[in-house]
């Protein structure tokens, strides 16, 4: 790949440490100023603290739907990972660009920004929009204020391409997700008298077995979609904490878990199964330990995406990329929110593979970036021609 505007942008983007726990406002100010130099006005939608923001920009004729390019600017942490290159810098080696977020998903974001700059030079008949968000990696949280803004806009984009890494294949769907927390209340005591106390971590272990049993039930009786690598709804416990030291029976524990659901799966029913099962765990304990409790709360969620394979946006993006078929992806995106809340038909298509994401020495190949730029060039030609 020869040196391009896109590559210079990607180098800068990778230099910003935008782990979700950190601000992204400096990156957004960089993008805003870059667009302003091309005569493109960009709106920032800050979070309440002002350290993070979404960005929305448009180029081309007003009053029409157009195509929206969407991506997130936050990345996952590098703590505890054995990187051989600086994580927050661009390193080119063996036909790859290394750096945290290279594939997930600053590679696409750089291509999208470069496309906006090029679009400003063209007599577009249909507009191009850019939507950049924060806190996607922790539950598609930041983009919701951008969705709120578009919800009240007089004209919304006609379609959307979310640039998460798909190896430039056109993805039409992903599972929805709900994140939950179970809080366990037991009774403390000296470990020498452990049978006289109620160990909250043991309650948590019993509940985790319940989650695993519910997973088995879903595998046997739940919905199935063979387009996914895992063709059924999944339940997963990702974090558990509790206890102070080994000679104290803990009186409290917490477990965070999730449900990633196929379209049409009755998630509320699954949660109710867990609530009933939790009550059954507690029933034989209540007489001796009336304070015993297992509380389940929903933390956040996002909807799945299920764009029909014959939808206009699917055929449009397939034509841009030359793809023959479609896929579905295991990870979630903001696309489900655009579709569910705004009615914007959406597909996922971007450079790189999620197999490289969230790992040390994350990279995107130059070949994938070239293919993404080719898609952007084809997109601009269609917008200039009026679709």
Protein backbone atom coordinates (compact mmCIF):
# COMPACT_ATOMS: atom_id res chain seq x y z
CA UNK A 1 0.00 0.00 0.00
CA UNK A 2 1.42 3.38 -0.96
CA UNK A 3 1.23 6.27 1.52
CA UNK A 4 -2.30 7.66 1.45
CA UNK A 5 -4.45 10.13 3.34
CA UNK A 6 -6.22 7.13 4.85
CA UNK A 7 -2.94 5.69 6.11
CA UNK A 8 -1.90 9.00 7.70
CA UNK A 9 -5.29 9.16 9.43
CA UNK A 10 -4.97 5.57 10.67
CA UNK A 11 -1.54 6.30 12.12
CA UNK A 12 -3.00 9.20 14.10
CA UNK A 13 -6.04 7.24 15.26
CA UNK A 14 -3.92 4.37 16.56
CA UNK A 15 -1.87 6.88 18.54
CA UNK A 16 -4.84 7.82 20.72
CA UNK A 17 -5.27 5.65 23.83
CA UNK A 18 -9.05 5.38 23.66
CA UNK A 19 -9.56 2.37 25.91
CA UNK A 20 -13.21 2.60 26.96
CA UNK A 21 -12.29 3.74 30.48
CA UNK A 22 -10.44 6.74 29.02
CA UNK A 23 -11.69 9.92 27.28
CA UNK A 24 -11.89 9.96 23.49
CA UNK A 25 -12.43 13.71 23.13
CA UNK A 26 -8.94 14.43 21.76
CA UNK A 27 -9.48 11.90 18.97
CA UNK A 28 -12.87 13.44 18.19
CA UNK A 29 -11.40 16.95 18.10
CA UNK A 30 -8.78 15.66 15.66
CA UNK A 31 -11.46 14.20 13.39
CA UNK A 32 -13.62 17.31 13.70
CA UNK A 33 -10.75 19.60 12.69
CA UNK A 34 -9.76 17.31 9.82
CA UNK A 35 -13.31 17.45 8.45
CA UNK A 36 -13.50 21.21 9.00
CA UNK A 37 -10.42 21.72 6.81
CA UNK A 38 -12.43 20.07 4.01
CA UNK A 39 -15.44 22.30 4.69
CA UNK A 40 -17.43 19.60 6.50
CA UNK A 41 -19.22 20.59 9.67
CA UNK A 42 -19.22 17.87 12.35
CA UNK A 43 -21.47 17.79 15.42
CA UNK A 44 -20.04 16.48 18.68
CA UNK A 45 -22.43 14.92 21.18
CA UNK A 46 -20.56 14.85 24.50
CA UNK A 47 -21.23 12.66 27.49
CA UNK A 48 -22.28 14.41 30.73
CA UNK A 49 -18.66 14.64 31.95
CA UNK A 50 -17.42 16.07 28.66
CA UNK A 51 -14.51 13.66 28.30
CA UNK A 52 -16.16 11.50 25.66
CA UNK A 53 -18.25 12.30 22.62
CA UNK A 54 -19.99 10.94 19.56
CA UNK A 55 -19.47 12.64 16.21
CA UNK A 56 -21.90 13.04 13.34
CA UNK A 57 -21.11 14.68 10.01
CA UNK A 58 -22.69 14.88 6.58
CA UNK A 59 -21.49 15.88 3.13
CA UNK A 60 -23.60 16.31 0.03
CA UNK A 61 -27.12 17.59 -0.64
CA UNK A 62 -29.41 18.13 2.32
CA UNK A 63 -32.92 16.73 2.65
CA UNK A 64 -32.06 13.25 1.40
CA UNK A 65 -31.42 10.00 3.24
CA UNK A 66 -28.06 8.93 1.92
CA UNK A 67 -25.65 6.34 3.31
CA UNK A 68 -24.24 6.36 6.85
CA UNK A 69 -20.83 4.92 7.72
CA UNK A 70 -20.72 3.95 11.39
CA UNK A 71 -17.86 2.98 13.67
CA UNK A 72 -16.73 3.18 17.28
CA UNK A 73 -13.59 4.89 18.51
CA UNK A 74 -13.05 3.07 21.82
CA UNK A 75 -10.85 0.01 22.16
CA UNK A 76 -10.38 -2.76 24.71
CA UNK A 77 -7.55 -2.65 27.29
CA UNK A 78 -4.02 -3.94 26.71
CA UNK A 79 -3.32 -4.59 30.40
CA UNK A 80 -1.81 -8.01 31.01
CA UNK A 81 -1.19 -8.69 27.33
CA UNK A 82 2.28 -9.44 25.94
CA UNK A 83 2.64 -6.98 23.07
CA UNK A 84 5.79 -7.04 20.94
CA UNK A 85 5.01 -3.63 19.39
CA UNK A 86 3.76 -0.41 21.02
CA UNK A 87 -0.01 -0.87 21.36
CA UNK A 88 -0.86 2.80 20.89
CA UNK A 89 1.12 3.46 17.74
CA UNK A 90 1.01 2.22 14.16
CA UNK A 91 3.67 -0.36 13.30
CA UNK A 92 3.88 -1.68 9.74
CA UNK A 93 5.39 -5.12 9.32
CA UNK A 94 4.95 -7.98 6.85
CA UNK A 95 1.98 -6.40 5.08
CA UNK A 96 0.14 -5.59 8.30
CA UNK A 97 -0.58 -2.54 10.44
CA UNK A 98 -0.28 -3.36 14.15
CA UNK A 99 -1.81 -1.42 17.03
CA UNK A 100 -4.71 -1.61 19.47
CA UNK A 101 -7.86 -1.01 17.45
CA UNK A 102 -6.22 -1.63 14.07
CA UNK A 103 -8.89 -4.14 13.14
CA UNK A 104 -11.51 -3.33 15.82
CA UNK A 105 -12.10 -0.85 14.32
CA UNK A 106 -9.91 2.13 13.57
CA UNK A 107 -8.95 0.68 10.19
CA UNK A 108 -12.51 1.15 8.97
CA UNK A 109 -12.85 4.50 10.74
CA UNK A 110 -9.78 5.79 8.89
CA UNK A 111 -11.22 4.61 5.56
CA UNK A 112 -14.56 6.25 6.36
CA UNK A 113 -12.97 9.58 7.30
CA UNK A 114 -10.87 9.53 4.13
CA UNK A 115 -14.02 8.84 2.12
CA UNK A 116 -15.72 11.85 3.72
CA UNK A 117 -12.75 14.08 2.76
CA UNK A 118 -12.89 12.81 -0.81
CA UNK A 119 -16.68 13.19 -0.91
CA UNK A 120 -16.32 16.90 -0.12
CA UNK A 121 -14.58 17.30 -3.50
CA UNK A 122 -17.32 15.51 -5.45
CA UNK A 123 -20.68 16.75 -6.78
CA UNK A 124 -22.67 14.18 -4.82
CA UNK A 125 -26.31 13.71 -5.67
CA UNK A 126 -26.89 11.62 -2.53
CA UNK A 127 -25.28 12.49 0.83
CA UNK A 128 -22.71 10.57 2.81
CA UNK A 129 -22.87 10.55 6.62
CA UNK A 130 -20.28 9.64 9.23
CA UNK A 131 -21.25 8.40 12.71
CA UNK A 132 -18.49 7.78 15.25
CA UNK A 133 -19.30 6.65 18.78
CA UNK A 134 -17.75 5.86 22.15
CA UNK A 135 -18.17 3.08 24.72
CA UNK A 136 -19.19 0.45 22.19
CA UNK A 137 -16.88 -2.09 23.77
CA UNK A 138 -18.78 -1.89 27.06
CA UNK A 139 -22.27 -2.37 25.67
CA UNK A 140 -22.95 0.05 22.80
CA UNK A 141 -23.60 2.67 25.49
CA UNK A 142 -22.26 5.88 23.97
CA UNK A 143 -24.01 5.65 20.63
CA UNK A 144 -27.43 5.92 22.26
CA UNK A 145 -27.26 9.72 22.48
CA UNK A 146 -26.43 9.81 18.77
CA UNK A 147 -29.44 7.57 18.12
CA UNK A 148 -31.54 10.00 20.18
CA UNK A 149 -30.37 12.86 17.96
CA UNK A 150 -31.15 11.01 14.75
CA UNK A 151 -34.53 9.98 16.14
CA UNK A 152 -35.60 13.63 16.16
CA UNK A 153 -33.92 14.55 12.85
CA UNK A 154 -36.23 15.52 9.96
CA UNK A 155 -34.39 13.14 7.61
CA UNK A 156 -32.55 9.96 8.54
CA UNK A 157 -29.98 8.02 6.54
CA UNK A 158 -31.48 5.66 4.03
CA UNK A 159 -29.09 2.86 4.97
CA UNK A 160 -26.06 2.16 7.15
CA UNK A 161 -22.77 0.28 6.89
CA UNK A 162 -21.24 -0.59 10.26
CA UNK A 163 -17.55 -1.22 9.63
CA UNK A 164 -16.77 -3.89 12.23
CA UNK A 165 -14.24 -6.41 10.90
CA UNK A 166 -15.83 -9.02 8.62
CA UNK A 167 -12.95 -9.62 6.18
CA UNK A 168 -14.98 -7.34 3.89
CA UNK A 169 -17.82 -9.84 3.73
CA UNK A 170 -21.37 -8.52 4.02
CA UNK A 171 -22.91 -9.51 7.35
CA UNK A 172 -26.66 -9.23 7.79
CA UNK A 173 -27.09 -10.21 11.42
CA UNK A 174 -25.76 -10.59 14.92
CA UNK A 175 -27.21 -11.74 18.22
CA UNK A 176 -28.70 -9.41 20.80
CA UNK A 177 -27.20 -9.20 24.25
CA UNK A 178 -28.37 -8.53 27.79
CA UNK A 179 -25.84 -8.12 30.60
CA UNK A 180 -27.02 -9.15 34.06
CA UNK A 181 -25.76 -9.23 37.63
CA UNK A 182 -26.62 -11.72 40.35
CA UNK A 183 -26.03 -10.60 43.94
CA UNK A 184 -25.83 -13.28 46.64
CA UNK A 185 -26.52 -12.68 50.33
CA UNK A 186 -25.41 -15.24 52.88
CA UNK A 187 -24.32 -15.11 56.54
CA UNK A 188 -20.76 -14.58 57.66
CA UNK A 189 -18.96 -16.73 60.20
CA UNK A 190 -15.63 -18.17 61.30
CA UNK A 191 -14.40 -20.77 58.82
CA UNK A 192 -13.90 -23.23 61.70
CA UNK A 193 -17.68 -23.13 62.12
CA UNK A 194 -18.45 -22.93 58.41
CA UNK A 195 -21.48 -25.26 58.48
CA UNK A 196 -23.20 -22.82 60.86
CA UNK A 197 -22.85 -19.96 58.37
CA UNK A 198 -24.12 -19.50 54.82
CA UNK A 199 -21.38 -19.11 52.25
CA UNK A 200 -22.38 -16.58 49.60
CA UNK A 201 -19.78 -17.93 47.20
CA UNK A 202 -21.36 -21.36 47.50
CA UNK A 203 -24.70 -19.78 46.62
CA UNK A 204 -22.99 -18.24 43.60
CA UNK A 205 -21.59 -21.63 42.60
CA UNK A 206 -25.05 -23.18 42.81
CA UNK A 207 -26.41 -20.34 40.66
CA UNK A 208 -23.65 -20.78 38.09
CA UNK A 209 -24.63 -24.44 37.80
CA UNK A 210 -28.18 -23.23 37.21
CA UNK A 211 -26.93 -20.99 34.38
CA UNK A 212 -25.11 -23.96 32.85
CA UNK A 213 -28.22 -26.14 33.13
CA UNK A 214 -30.26 -23.40 31.45
CA UNK A 215 -27.69 -23.30 28.64
CA UNK A 216 -28.15 -27.03 28.16
CA UNK A 217 -31.92 -26.51 28.02
CA UNK A 218 -31.50 -23.83 25.35
CA UNK A 219 -29.22 -26.05 23.28
CA UNK A 220 -31.84 -28.80 23.33
CA UNK A 221 -35.06 -26.80 23.09
CA UNK A 222 -34.20 -23.26 21.96
CA UNK A 223 -34.12 -21.64 18.55
CA UNK A 224 -31.34 -22.41 16.09
CA UNK A 225 -29.77 -20.44 13.25
CA UNK A 226 -27.13 -22.28 11.26
CA UNK A 227 -25.67 -19.05 9.87
CA UNK A 228 -23.88 -18.51 13.20
CA UNK A 229 -20.77 -20.36 14.36
CA UNK A 230 -22.68 -21.04 17.59
CA UNK A 231 -26.20 -21.61 16.23
CA UNK A 232 -28.15 -21.05 19.46
CA UNK A 233 -28.59 -18.50 22.24
CA UNK A 234 -25.76 -18.58 24.78
CA UNK A 235 -25.52 -17.91 28.52
CA UNK A 236 -22.14 -17.12 30.00
CA UNK A 237 -20.84 -16.13 33.46
CA UNK A 238 -17.88 -13.83 32.96
CA UNK A 239 -17.01 -12.50 36.40
CA UNK A 240 -17.47 -13.50 40.05
CA UNK A 241 -16.25 -11.81 43.22
CA UNK A 242 -16.72 -12.23 46.96
CA UNK A 243 -14.98 -12.94 50.20
CA UNK A 244 -12.37 -11.15 52.29
CA UNK A 245 -9.97 -13.87 53.43
CA UNK A 246 -9.97 -17.62 53.66
CA UNK A 247 -10.88 -17.95 57.35
CA UNK A 248 -14.09 -15.90 57.00
CA UNK A 249 -17.20 -17.43 55.50
CA UNK A 250 -18.28 -14.70 53.01
CA UNK A 251 -21.71 -13.11 53.45
CA UNK A 252 -21.83 -11.50 49.99
CA UNK A 253 -20.83 -12.33 46.43
CA UNK A 254 -21.56 -11.02 42.95
CA UNK A 255 -21.55 -12.71 39.55
CA UNK A 256 -21.90 -10.90 36.23
CA UNK A 257 -23.31 -12.88 33.32
CA UNK A 258 -24.81 -12.40 29.90
CA UNK A 259 -27.30 -13.81 27.44
CA UNK A 260 -26.53 -13.50 23.72
CA UNK A 261 -29.77 -14.27 21.96
CA UNK A 262 -30.91 -15.24 18.50
CA UNK A 263 -33.65 -13.14 16.97
CA UNK A 264 -36.97 -14.40 18.27
CA UNK A 265 -35.58 -16.01 21.43
CA UNK A 266 -37.70 -15.18 24.51
CA UNK A 267 -34.96 -13.69 26.69
CA UNK A 268 -37.42 -12.61 29.39
CA UNK A 269 -38.51 -16.23 29.72
CA UNK A 270 -34.89 -17.33 30.17
CA UNK A 271 -34.37 -14.73 32.90
CA UNK A 272 -37.56 -15.90 34.59
CA UNK A 273 -36.27 -19.49 34.49
CA UNK A 274 -33.17 -18.27 36.32
CA UNK A 275 -35.24 -16.36 38.88
CA UNK A 276 -37.36 -19.42 39.59
CA UNK A 277 -34.26 -21.59 39.85
CA UNK A 278 -32.66 -19.08 42.25
CA UNK A 279 -35.74 -19.24 44.45
CA UNK A 280 -35.51 -23.03 44.49
CA UNK A 281 -31.88 -22.79 45.64
CA UNK A 282 -32.96 -20.57 48.53
CA UNK A 283 -36.11 -22.43 49.61
CA UNK A 284 -34.42 -25.05 51.82
CA UNK A 285 -32.24 -22.36 53.44
CA UNK A 286 -34.82 -19.75 54.39
CA UNK A 287 -35.79 -21.22 57.78
CA UNK A 288 -32.22 -21.11 59.13
CA UNK A 289 -31.06 -18.11 57.10
CA UNK A 290 -34.01 -15.75 56.52
CA UNK A 291 -31.66 -13.10 55.13
CA UNK A 292 -30.48 -15.38 52.31
CA UNK A 293 -31.11 -13.90 48.90
CA UNK A 294 -30.22 -14.07 45.21
CA UNK A 295 -31.08 -10.88 43.34
CA UNK A 296 -30.90 -10.68 39.55
CA UNK A 297 -30.74 -7.29 37.81
CA UNK A 298 -30.40 -6.24 34.20
CA UNK A 299 -27.42 -3.94 33.66
CA UNK A 300 -27.77 -3.06 29.98
CA UNK A 301 -28.67 -4.59 26.66
CA UNK A 302 -28.68 -4.02 22.94
CA UNK A 303 -30.87 -5.58 20.27
CA UNK A 304 -29.76 -8.06 17.69
CA UNK A 305 -29.60 -7.33 13.98
CA UNK A 306 -31.49 -9.37 11.44
CA UNK A 307 -31.50 -7.67 8.05
CA UNK A 308 -33.23 -9.79 5.37
CA UNK A 309 -30.76 -11.19 2.86
CA UNK A 310 -32.72 -9.66 -0.01
CA UNK A 311 -32.94 -6.15 1.53
CA UNK A 312 -31.89 -3.19 -0.58
CA UNK A 313 -28.93 -2.36 1.65
CA UNK A 314 -27.63 -5.92 1.30
CA UNK A 315 -27.75 -5.87 -2.48
CA UNK A 316 -26.27 -2.36 -2.53
CA UNK A 317 -23.24 -3.24 -0.40
CA UNK A 318 -22.74 -6.57 -2.16
CA UNK A 319 -22.51 -4.61 -5.40
CA UNK A 320 -19.92 -2.30 -3.84
CA UNK A 321 -17.72 -5.18 -2.66
CA UNK A 322 -18.40 -7.77 -5.34
CA UNK A 323 -19.61 -10.23 -2.71
CA UNK A 324 -21.83 -13.13 -3.73
CA UNK A 325 -23.19 -14.21 -0.36
CA UNK A 326 -23.72 -12.98 3.17
CA UNK A 327 -22.69 -14.03 6.66
CA UNK A 328 -23.74 -13.41 10.26
CA UNK A 329 -21.31 -12.46 13.03
CA UNK A 330 -21.00 -13.54 16.64
CA UNK A 331 -20.24 -10.10 18.09
CA UNK A 332 -22.70 -7.27 18.63
CA UNK A 333 -22.75 -3.81 17.07
CA UNK A 334 -24.64 -0.53 17.16
CA UNK A 335 -26.38 -1.71 13.99
CA UNK A 336 -29.14 -3.35 16.01
CA UNK A 337 -29.98 0.02 17.58
CA UNK A 338 -30.00 1.81 14.21
CA UNK A 339 -32.39 -0.81 12.85
CA UNK A 340 -34.63 -1.28 15.90
CA UNK A 341 -34.95 2.35 17.01
CA UNK A 342 -34.52 4.27 13.77
CA UNK A 343 -35.65 1.82 11.12
CA UNK A 344 -32.38 2.27 9.19
CA UNK A 345 -31.57 -0.89 7.21
CA UNK A 346 -28.07 -1.91 8.22
CA UNK A 347 -25.31 -4.33 7.29
CA UNK A 348 -21.87 -4.93 8.77
CA UNK A 349 -18.86 -4.82 6.47
CA UNK A 350 -15.32 -3.83 7.33
CA UNK A 351 -11.65 -4.72 6.98
CA UNK A 352 -9.88 -7.29 9.11
CA UNK A 353 -11.03 -10.20 11.21
CA UNK A 354 -12.30 -10.25 14.77
CA UNK A 355 -9.94 -13.20 15.22
CA UNK A 356 -7.23 -10.52 15.52
CA UNK A 357 -9.30 -8.26 17.78
CA UNK A 358 -8.89 -7.98 21.57
CA UNK A 359 -5.49 -9.74 21.43
CA UNK A 360 -1.89 -8.64 21.81
CA UNK A 361 -0.32 -7.47 18.54
CA UNK A 362 -3.74 -6.75 17.02
CA UNK A 363 -3.40 -6.00 13.32
CA UNK A 364 -5.22 -5.31 10.08
CA UNK A 365 -3.68 -6.35 6.77
CA UNK A 366 -2.87 -3.85 4.03
CA UNK A 367 -4.83 -6.07 1.64
CA UNK A 368 -7.98 -5.67 3.75
CA UNK A 369 -7.51 -1.90 3.95
CA UNK A 370 -7.10 -1.77 0.16
CA UNK A 371 -10.37 -3.66 -0.24
CA UNK A 372 -12.13 -1.30 2.13
CA UNK A 373 -10.85 1.71 0.21
CA UNK A 374 -12.08 0.11 -3.00
CA UNK A 375 -15.53 -0.23 -1.42
CA UNK A 376 -15.44 3.44 -0.45
CA UNK A 377 -14.46 4.44 -4.00
CA UNK A 378 -17.36 2.43 -5.40
CA UNK A 379 -19.68 4.01 -2.82
CA UNK A 380 -18.67 7.55 -3.77
CA UNK A 381 -19.21 6.75 -7.45
CA UNK A 382 -22.74 5.55 -6.67
CA UNK A 383 -23.50 8.63 -4.56
CA UNK A 384 -22.19 10.88 -7.30
CA UNK A 385 -24.40 9.08 -9.81
CA UNK A 386 -27.46 9.31 -7.57
CA UNK A 387 -27.35 5.60 -6.60
